[in-house]
Protein backbone atom coordinates (compact mmCIF):
# COMPACT_ATOMS: atom_id res chain seq x y z
CA MET A 1 -12.81 15.46 40.96
CA ARG A 2 -15.10 15.37 37.94
CA PRO A 3 -13.56 12.16 36.34
CA LEU A 4 -14.57 10.22 39.47
CA LEU A 5 -18.17 11.50 39.26
CA LEU A 6 -18.68 10.42 35.73
CA PRO A 7 -19.30 6.76 36.36
CA THR A 8 -22.01 7.66 38.89
CA ALA A 9 -23.60 10.03 36.51
CA LEU A 10 -23.48 7.38 33.84
CA ILE A 11 -25.20 4.75 36.07
CA LEU A 12 -27.96 7.18 37.12
CA ALA A 13 -28.48 8.25 33.49
CA MET A 14 -28.88 4.68 32.41
CA ALA A 15 -31.12 3.76 35.33
CA ALA A 16 -33.60 6.64 34.88
CA PRO A 17 -36.77 5.50 32.99
CA ALA A 18 -36.99 8.93 31.42
CA GLN A 19 -33.76 8.36 29.59
CA ALA A 20 -34.71 5.03 28.01
CA GLN A 21 -31.56 5.07 25.98
CA SER A 22 -28.82 2.60 25.88
CA VAL A 23 -25.16 3.50 25.90
CA GLY A 24 -25.01 2.47 22.17
CA ASP A 25 -27.89 4.73 21.28
CA VAL A 26 -26.30 7.71 23.05
CA LEU A 27 -22.75 7.16 21.63
CA GLY A 28 -24.19 6.35 18.19
CA GLN A 29 -25.66 9.93 17.97
CA PHE A 30 -22.01 11.21 17.86
CA ALA A 31 -20.79 8.64 15.21
CA GLY A 32 -21.13 9.82 11.63
CA THR A 33 -19.13 7.21 9.71
CA GLY A 34 -18.89 3.44 9.44
CA PRO A 35 -15.63 3.13 11.39
CA THR A 36 -16.71 5.46 14.21
CA ARG A 37 -19.99 3.61 14.52
CA GLU A 38 -18.11 0.35 14.88
CA THR A 39 -15.93 1.90 17.56
CA ALA A 40 -18.99 3.20 19.40
CA ARG A 41 -20.52 -0.22 19.25
CA ALA A 42 -17.46 -1.85 20.90
CA ILE A 43 -17.32 0.80 23.61
CA ALA A 44 -21.04 0.43 24.37
CA THR A 45 -20.62 -3.30 24.68
CA LEU A 46 -17.60 -3.17 26.87
CA CYS A 47 -17.92 -0.12 29.16
CA PRO A 48 -21.18 -0.86 31.22
CA ALA A 49 -19.91 -4.33 32.27
CA GLY A 50 -17.51 -2.98 34.81
CA ASN A 51 -15.44 -6.12 35.22
CA ARG A 52 -14.00 -6.97 31.83
CA LEU A 53 -11.60 -4.14 31.19
CA SER A 54 -8.27 -2.89 32.44
CA ALA A 55 -8.54 -0.11 34.94
CA ARG A 56 -7.16 2.42 32.34
CA LEU A 57 -9.63 1.43 29.61
CA GLN A 58 -12.51 1.42 32.08
CA ALA A 59 -11.68 4.92 33.12
CA ASP A 60 -11.43 6.15 29.49
CA CYS A 61 -14.73 4.45 28.74
CA ASN A 62 -16.49 6.01 31.65
CA ASN A 63 -15.24 9.45 30.82
CA LEU A 64 -16.29 9.20 27.15
CA VAL A 65 -19.72 7.72 27.83
CA GLY A 66 -20.40 10.01 30.72
CA ALA A 67 -19.69 12.97 28.46
CA ALA A 68 -21.95 11.49 25.80
CA PHE A 69 -24.87 11.32 28.29
CA GLN A 70 -24.15 14.95 29.20
CA ASN A 71 -24.45 15.72 25.37
CA ASN A 72 -20.89 17.07 25.29
CA ALA A 73 -20.26 18.13 21.67
CA GLN A 74 -16.62 17.11 22.00
CA VAL A 75 -17.55 13.42 22.01
CA ARG A 76 -17.83 13.48 18.23
CA ASN A 77 -14.29 14.62 17.78
CA ALA A 78 -13.12 12.12 20.52
CA LEU A 79 -14.69 9.24 18.64
CA ILE A 80 -12.94 10.26 15.43
CA ALA A 81 -9.57 10.42 17.21
CA ILE A 82 -10.06 7.10 18.99
CA THR A 83 -11.03 5.20 15.83
CA ALA A 84 -8.03 3.31 14.45
CA ASP A 85 -9.01 3.56 10.72
CA ASN A 86 -5.38 3.28 9.63
CA ALA A 87 -5.51 -0.47 10.55
CA THR A 88 -6.69 -1.00 6.91
CA VAL A 89 -3.66 0.68 5.23
CA PRO A 90 -1.84 -2.63 4.70
CA ILE A 91 -4.72 -3.78 2.34
CA ASP A 92 -4.62 -0.49 0.43
CA ARG A 93 -2.41 -0.06 -2.68
CA SER A 94 0.03 1.97 -0.51
CA GLY A 95 1.04 -1.18 1.30
CA LEU A 96 0.31 -4.78 0.32
CA GLY A 97 -0.58 -5.26 -3.31
CA ARG A 98 1.32 -2.34 -4.60
CA MET A 99 2.31 -2.79 -8.26
CA GLN A 100 5.97 -3.92 -8.27
CA ILE A 101 6.48 -4.89 -11.95
CA ASN A 102 10.11 -4.69 -12.64
CA SER A 103 10.85 -7.32 -15.37
CA PRO A 104 13.30 -6.66 -18.18
CA MET A 105 11.95 -7.35 -21.62
CA ALA A 106 14.73 -8.35 -24.02
CA LEU A 107 14.31 -7.57 -27.75
CA THR A 108 16.46 -10.54 -28.77
CA SER A 109 15.41 -10.62 -32.43
CA MET A 110 15.39 -6.90 -33.22
CA PRO A 111 18.07 -5.03 -35.31
CA SER A 112 21.12 -3.76 -33.53
CA TRP A 113 19.64 -0.26 -33.05
CA ALA A 114 16.38 -1.57 -31.29
CA LEU A 115 16.46 -1.36 -27.55
CA ALA A 116 14.08 -2.95 -25.01
CA ALA A 117 12.04 0.07 -23.83
CA LYS A 118 9.12 -1.99 -22.73
CA ALA A 119 5.92 -1.10 -20.87
CA ASP A 120 7.21 -1.83 -17.41
CA ASP A 121 9.78 0.94 -17.50
CA GLY A 122 11.88 -1.00 -15.01
CA LEU A 123 14.91 -3.22 -15.26
CA LEU A 124 14.92 -2.71 -19.01
CA SER A 125 17.12 -5.12 -20.97
CA LEU A 126 18.86 -2.70 -23.30
CA ALA A 127 21.34 -5.24 -24.69
CA LEU A 128 21.62 -5.87 -28.39
CA SER A 129 20.36 -9.09 -30.06
CA GLY A 130 21.73 -12.40 -29.14
CA SER A 131 23.35 -12.76 -32.56
CA GLU A 132 24.94 -9.33 -32.65
CA GLY A 133 25.90 -8.65 -29.03
CA ASP A 134 29.38 -9.41 -27.74
CA SER A 135 28.16 -11.24 -24.58
CA PRO A 136 24.98 -13.03 -23.49
CA TRP A 137 25.47 -11.74 -19.96
CA SER A 138 24.53 -8.36 -18.52
CA ALA A 139 24.19 -6.73 -15.11
CA TYR A 140 22.30 -3.56 -14.17
CA LEU A 141 21.38 -1.09 -11.44
CA GLN A 142 18.02 0.70 -11.22
CA ALA A 143 16.91 3.50 -8.93
CA ARG A 144 13.25 4.09 -8.47
CA PHE A 145 11.55 7.06 -6.82
CA ASP A 146 7.87 6.92 -5.86
CA THR A 147 5.41 9.65 -4.72
CA ASP A 148 1.93 8.65 -3.73
CA GLU A 149 -0.98 10.58 -2.33
CA ARG A 150 -4.39 9.43 -1.13
CA GLU A 151 -7.08 11.92 -0.26
CA ASN A 152 -8.96 11.97 2.99
CA THR A 153 -12.40 10.40 3.01
CA ALA A 154 -15.21 10.25 5.51
CA ASN A 155 -14.18 6.67 6.49
CA LYS A 156 -10.44 7.13 6.81
CA ASP A 157 -7.46 9.46 6.76
CA GLY A 158 -5.49 9.93 3.53
CA PHE A 159 -1.67 10.00 3.25
CA ASP A 160 1.39 11.19 1.42
CA ARG A 161 4.07 8.59 0.76
CA ASP A 162 7.66 8.89 -0.56
CA GLY A 163 9.68 5.90 -1.41
CA ARG A 164 13.05 4.88 -2.87
CA THR A 165 14.10 1.46 -4.25
CA LEU A 166 17.47 0.22 -5.53
CA THR A 167 17.48 -2.89 -7.67
CA ILE A 168 20.51 -5.01 -8.63
CA GLY A 169 20.03 -7.60 -11.35
CA LEU A 170 21.81 -10.11 -13.55
CA ASP A 171 20.36 -11.78 -16.67
CA ARG A 172 21.42 -13.86 -19.69
CA ARG A 173 20.16 -14.12 -23.23
CA ILE A 174 19.31 -17.68 -24.30
CA GLY A 175 19.74 -18.31 -27.95
CA THR A 176 18.31 -15.68 -30.20
CA GLY A 177 14.87 -15.36 -28.70
CA GLY A 178 14.91 -15.94 -24.97
CA TYR A 179 16.22 -14.52 -21.71
CA LEU A 180 16.41 -15.49 -18.02
CA GLY A 181 17.41 -13.29 -15.02
CA ALA A 182 17.08 -12.53 -11.34
CA ALA A 183 17.21 -9.39 -9.24
CA LEU A 184 17.26 -8.13 -5.66
CA ALA A 185 15.56 -4.92 -4.61
CA PHE A 186 15.94 -2.88 -1.42
CA GLY A 187 13.48 -0.10 -0.65
CA LYS A 188 12.44 2.43 2.05
CA SER A 189 9.39 4.59 2.23
CA GLU A 190 7.86 7.12 4.54
CA LEU A 191 4.13 7.62 4.81
CA ASP A 192 2.38 10.53 6.65
CA TYR A 193 -1.23 10.13 7.39
CA GLY A 194 -3.64 12.96 6.80
CA ARG A 195 -5.06 15.15 9.53
CA ASN A 196 -1.77 14.81 11.48
CA SER A 197 -2.87 11.31 12.68
CA GLY A 198 0.46 9.38 12.36
CA GLU A 199 3.04 7.85 10.10
CA LEU A 200 4.22 4.55 8.68
CA ASP A 201 7.88 3.73 7.78
CA THR A 202 8.63 0.67 5.70
CA ASP A 203 11.83 -1.24 4.82
CA GLU A 204 11.43 -3.56 1.89
CA ARG A 205 13.36 -6.45 0.32
CA ALA A 206 12.30 -8.24 -2.78
CA PHE A 207 13.55 -11.10 -5.00
CA ASN A 208 12.55 -11.12 -8.68
CA LEU A 209 12.88 -14.06 -11.06
CA TYR A 210 12.00 -13.48 -14.67
CA ALA A 211 12.05 -15.12 -18.07
CA GLY A 212 10.77 -14.41 -21.63
CA TRP A 213 10.86 -15.30 -25.30
CA GLN A 214 10.25 -13.57 -28.51
CA ALA A 215 9.49 -15.13 -31.92
CA GLU A 216 10.95 -13.82 -35.17
CA ASN A 217 7.51 -12.59 -36.22
CA GLY A 218 7.39 -10.18 -33.11
CA PHE A 219 5.19 -12.21 -30.79
CA HIS A 220 6.62 -12.24 -27.21
CA LEU A 221 5.85 -13.81 -23.81
CA ASP A 222 7.37 -12.47 -20.59
CA SER A 223 6.97 -13.69 -17.00
CA LEU A 224 7.87 -12.42 -13.55
CA LEU A 225 7.78 -13.94 -10.09
CA SER A 226 8.30 -11.36 -7.35
CA ILE A 227 8.48 -12.13 -3.54
CA THR A 228 8.53 -9.15 -1.30
CA ARG A 229 9.04 -8.85 2.47
CA ARG A 230 8.34 -5.53 4.35
CA ASP A 231 9.25 -4.45 7.98
CA GLN A 232 6.83 -1.76 8.99
CA GLU A 233 6.84 0.67 11.91
CA GLN A 234 3.63 2.62 12.59
CA LEU A 235 2.78 5.52 14.82
CA ARG A 236 -0.84 6.61 15.50
CA LEU A 237 -1.44 9.90 17.13
CA MET A 238 -4.51 10.51 19.13
CA SER A 239 -5.59 13.76 20.82
CA TYR A 240 -8.94 14.99 22.14
CA GLY A 241 -10.46 16.82 25.09
CA LEU A 242 -13.80 16.34 26.72
CA ASP A 243 -13.43 19.10 29.23
CA GLY A 244 -10.72 21.12 30.97
CA SER A 245 -9.60 18.26 33.21
CA ASN A 246 -10.15 15.44 30.73
CA ILE A 247 -7.59 15.84 27.92
CA ALA A 248 -5.96 12.94 26.12
CA ASN A 249 -2.71 13.04 24.15
CA GLN A 250 -1.28 9.62 23.11
CA ARG A 251 1.22 8.14 20.64
CA PHE A 252 0.46 4.55 19.86
CA SER A 253 3.37 2.69 18.31
CA SER A 254 3.47 -0.75 16.65
CA GLU A 255 5.70 -2.96 14.42
CA PHE A 256 4.59 -5.58 11.97
CA ASP A 257 5.69 -7.53 8.94
CA SER A 258 4.01 -8.02 5.61
CA ASP A 259 4.56 -10.20 2.58
CA GLU A 260 3.64 -10.11 -1.05
CA ARG A 261 3.83 -12.75 -3.81
CA LEU A 262 3.28 -11.57 -7.38
CA LEU A 263 3.09 -13.52 -10.54
CA ALA A 264 2.86 -11.58 -13.86
CA LEU A 265 2.52 -12.87 -17.40
CA THR A 266 2.75 -10.57 -20.40
CA ALA A 267 1.94 -11.29 -24.12
CA GLY A 268 2.29 -8.90 -26.93
CA PHE A 269 3.05 -8.51 -30.63
CA ARG A 270 5.79 -6.11 -31.74
CA PHE A 271 5.41 -4.48 -35.22
CA ASN A 272 8.53 -2.94 -36.78
CA ARG A 273 8.66 -0.31 -39.53
CA ASP A 274 12.03 1.32 -40.27
CA ASN A 275 13.09 2.88 -36.94
CA TRP A 276 9.67 2.78 -35.34
CA THR A 277 8.09 -0.05 -33.26
CA LEU A 278 4.53 -0.48 -32.07
CA ASP A 279 3.72 -3.07 -29.37
CA PRO A 280 0.20 -3.76 -28.17
CA TYR A 281 0.26 -6.15 -25.14
CA VAL A 282 -1.76 -7.75 -22.38
CA ARG A 283 -0.56 -8.45 -18.87
CA ILE A 284 -2.18 -10.54 -16.11
CA GLU A 285 -0.92 -10.04 -12.52
CA SER A 286 -1.97 -12.34 -9.62
CA VAL A 287 -1.26 -10.91 -6.16
CA ASP A 288 -1.22 -12.92 -2.85
CA ALA A 289 -0.48 -10.67 0.14
CA SER A 290 -0.62 -10.83 3.88
CA SER A 291 0.12 -8.68 6.93
CA ASP A 292 0.94 -9.90 10.41
CA GLY A 293 -1.24 -8.83 13.33
CA TYR A 294 0.16 -6.39 15.91
CA SER A 295 -0.54 -4.73 19.27
CA GLU A 296 -0.20 -0.96 19.92
CA ARG A 297 1.77 0.53 22.79
CA ALA A 298 0.67 3.83 24.36
CA SER A 299 3.30 6.52 25.06
CA ASN A 300 1.70 7.10 28.48
CA ALA A 301 -0.07 3.87 29.45
CA ASP A 302 -1.42 5.34 32.68
CA GLY A 303 -2.54 8.69 31.24
CA ASN A 304 -5.89 9.74 29.76
CA GLY A 305 -6.63 7.86 26.55
CA GLY A 306 -4.00 5.26 27.21
CA GLY A 307 -6.66 2.51 27.12
CA TRP A 308 -7.56 3.11 23.43
CA GLY A 309 -4.69 1.03 22.09
CA VAL A 310 -5.78 -1.74 19.86
CA GLN A 311 -4.69 -5.19 18.71
CA VAL A 312 -5.06 -5.81 14.91
CA ALA A 313 -5.46 -9.32 13.58
CA ASP A 314 -3.76 -10.70 10.57
CA LEU A 315 -4.79 -9.46 7.17
CA ASP A 316 -4.89 -11.37 3.91
CA GLU A 317 -5.77 -10.40 0.37
CA ASN A 318 -5.76 -11.90 -3.10
CA PHE A 319 -6.67 -10.11 -6.28
CA THR A 320 -5.87 -9.94 -10.01
CA ARG A 321 -4.89 -6.99 -12.23
CA THR A 322 -5.43 -7.10 -16.00
CA VAL A 323 -3.47 -4.59 -18.05
CA LEU A 324 -4.11 -3.66 -21.65
CA GLY A 325 -1.52 -1.44 -23.15
CA LEU A 326 0.15 0.06 -26.25
CA HIS A 327 3.78 0.85 -26.35
CA SER A 328 5.56 2.85 -29.02
CA ALA A 329 9.17 3.63 -29.53
CA TRP A 330 11.31 5.51 -32.04
CA ALA A 331 15.12 4.90 -32.59
CA ILE A 332 17.34 7.95 -33.27
CA SER A 333 20.99 7.57 -34.19
CA GLY A 334 23.32 10.10 -32.51
CA ALA A 335 27.08 10.82 -32.51
CA SER A 336 27.59 8.97 -29.19
CA GLY A 337 24.98 6.24 -29.50
CA VAL A 338 21.42 5.29 -30.30
CA TYR A 339 18.56 6.97 -28.44
CA VAL A 340 14.99 5.60 -28.21
CA PRO A 341 12.21 7.86 -26.78
CA TYR A 342 9.14 5.88 -25.96
CA ILE A 343 5.56 6.39 -24.78
CA ASP A 344 3.28 3.78 -23.08
CA LEU A 345 -0.41 4.07 -22.49
CA SER A 346 -2.41 1.27 -20.64
CA TRP A 347 -5.64 0.61 -18.99
CA VAL A 348 -5.76 -1.33 -15.67
CA LYS A 349 -8.70 -3.46 -14.37
CA VAL A 350 -8.52 -4.80 -10.79
CA SER A 351 -10.63 -7.88 -9.90
CA GLY A 352 -11.24 -9.44 -6.50
CA LEU A 353 -10.11 -6.55 -4.27
CA ASP A 354 -13.06 -5.98 -1.92
CA ALA A 355 -13.47 -3.47 0.90
CA GLU A 356 -11.80 -5.86 3.34
CA ALA A 357 -12.32 -5.35 7.06
CA ALA A 358 -9.52 -5.27 9.59
CA ARG A 359 -10.45 -7.05 12.90
CA LEU A 360 -9.58 -5.18 16.06
CA ARG A 361 -10.03 -5.39 19.78
CA TYR A 362 -8.80 -3.28 22.65
CA THR A 363 -5.63 -4.40 24.38
CA GLY A 364 -7.36 -3.64 27.64
CA ASP A 365 -10.16 -6.06 26.93
CA ARG A 366 -10.01 -8.63 29.74
CA SER A 367 -13.28 -10.41 28.92
CA SER A 368 -11.73 -13.90 28.78
CA ALA A 369 -10.65 -13.60 32.40
CA VAL A 370 -14.32 -13.45 33.45
CA GLY A 371 -15.54 -16.13 31.07
CA LEU A 372 -16.76 -13.75 28.31
CA ASP A 373 -15.76 -13.42 24.63
CA GLU A 374 -13.53 -10.50 23.78
CA VAL A 375 -15.28 -7.87 21.79
CA GLU A 376 -14.10 -7.61 18.18
CA PHE A 377 -14.92 -4.66 15.94
CA PHE A 378 -14.05 -3.96 12.35
CA MET A 379 -12.44 -1.17 10.32
CA ALA A 380 -13.67 -1.43 6.69
CA ALA A 381 -11.46 -0.16 3.88
CA ASP A 382 -13.00 2.13 1.34
CA ALA A 383 -13.84 0.36 -1.88
CA GLU A 384 -10.93 0.84 -4.31
CA ASP A 385 -11.20 2.19 -7.86
CA ASP A 386 -11.06 -1.01 -9.97
CA SER A 387 -10.44 0.74 -13.30
CA TYR A 388 -7.96 3.46 -14.17
CA GLY A 389 -5.20 4.45 -16.68
CA SER A 390 -1.45 4.60 -16.66
CA LEU A 391 0.88 6.79 -18.80
CA GLY A 392 4.63 6.23 -19.15
CA LEU A 393 7.24 8.31 -20.92
CA GLY A 394 10.96 7.74 -21.27
CA LEU A 395 14.22 7.58 -23.12
CA SER A 396 16.52 4.57 -23.53
CA ALA A 397 20.08 4.87 -24.89
CA GLN A 398 22.71 2.35 -26.20
CA TRP A 399 26.40 3.45 -26.10
CA ALA A 400 29.61 1.82 -27.09
CA ASN A 401 31.30 -1.15 -25.33
CA GLY A 402 28.02 -2.68 -24.17
CA TRP A 403 26.84 0.19 -21.99
CA SER A 404 23.16 1.31 -21.98
CA GLY A 405 20.81 3.26 -19.81
CA PHE A 406 17.33 4.70 -19.44
CA VAL A 407 15.22 7.26 -17.64
CA GLY A 408 11.46 6.95 -17.35
CA TYR A 409 8.49 8.60 -15.73
CA ARG A 410 5.08 7.03 -15.02
CA GLN A 411 1.87 8.04 -13.43
CA ASN A 412 -1.63 6.79 -12.98
CA ILE A 413 -4.52 8.71 -14.51
CA ALA A 414 -8.20 8.88 -13.56
CA GLU A 415 -7.76 6.84 -10.39
CA ASP A 416 -10.19 7.78 -7.71
CA ARG A 417 -8.67 9.17 -4.51
CA TYR A 418 -5.11 8.21 -5.55
CA GLU A 419 -2.23 10.03 -7.28
CA GLN A 420 0.79 7.70 -8.03
CA ARG A 421 3.92 8.90 -9.75
CA ARG A 422 7.33 7.34 -10.14
CA VAL A 423 10.65 8.06 -11.81
CA ASP A 424 13.08 5.31 -12.87
CA LEU A 425 16.84 5.57 -13.72
CA GLY A 426 18.87 2.62 -14.91
CA LEU A 427 22.28 1.58 -16.10
CA ARG A 428 23.29 -1.66 -17.77
CA MET A 429 26.58 -3.26 -18.73
CA GLU A 430 27.25 -6.30 -20.87
CA PHE A 431 30.21 -8.50 -19.70
């Protein structure tokens, strides 16, 4: 059969002086991007050795390299399919490092009609001032709905992501100018990779601890510590054909955990004029995030392409976001309560987020058994847009008996390759 002849053809092609081309040179002709070139480099290092691979990976290598020496045009598509470029997703904004600012900002020194419709849109403290409210304690629920898109690029597949998060919180006003609170958040999201190349499902749990203070002159400081844990299940789809008898269709599954620790500090100065407020602010966010390594499992370990499963090493990232914003709100008295429409416009600058590289190796690499080093190769993430805008719109409301609520919409603007949108709904009760 043809698959059995390919190794012989490969050996003869490599031995012939007229060829004078290495396996890397031949495969490299079919690699058009950085990730596929890295994949071709690893294959060229491993395949000719003949004694450092599992039988399945050796057979897949032989078939691919043999087709390359025969100048089979399908090798290019096969390399694209084999390349595990989604290994870098945990270090994109879709996974680790995603903005999770959810701190309530209490307006403890404002008049009774002034509600806390702050720039974060989330977990808004809509209580009245400490001197005028009936109770210093309040509890709230917030529902958040996210829709994110990332376009395909030459180096990696894009994605569409939909997420939902429910937050339960409790806070207390301290005196006439401070507040302290905590919240638990539970989220789920589904991400579909572009070009029908797989999916990533995430279950998320977060603990938020926050505190703040506002002076009588309108100056305020707010802080948030957020610790997030994510359980993630990934499916990578791979399909290619080199000829009529050498077709590969595999589903590579994996599970891994990731963690994120975020510290955010906000300072601003709120100006009041009649029923109108204007609040310029600056926020600094420090993110420390990590993702556990994992190994893929093939749906048909003995079938064609079953050897292309990879092991991905741990990932770590640390970066800082600086946000400059302007928030404006207008209070309107109604028959059933006070309503405050608001608008928030901000500019975001990201520092320290490089095009990190995920370290991979094939699960079928048995180099250590013969005294050789296992072959690592790298999937580099695209450089992220480090400067973009954000626009928020919403409406807060204060009703009788200590009840309040809000609805908000936010989206990023002018962010390369990404579209990020979210809707927040919240309900708060004093007790």
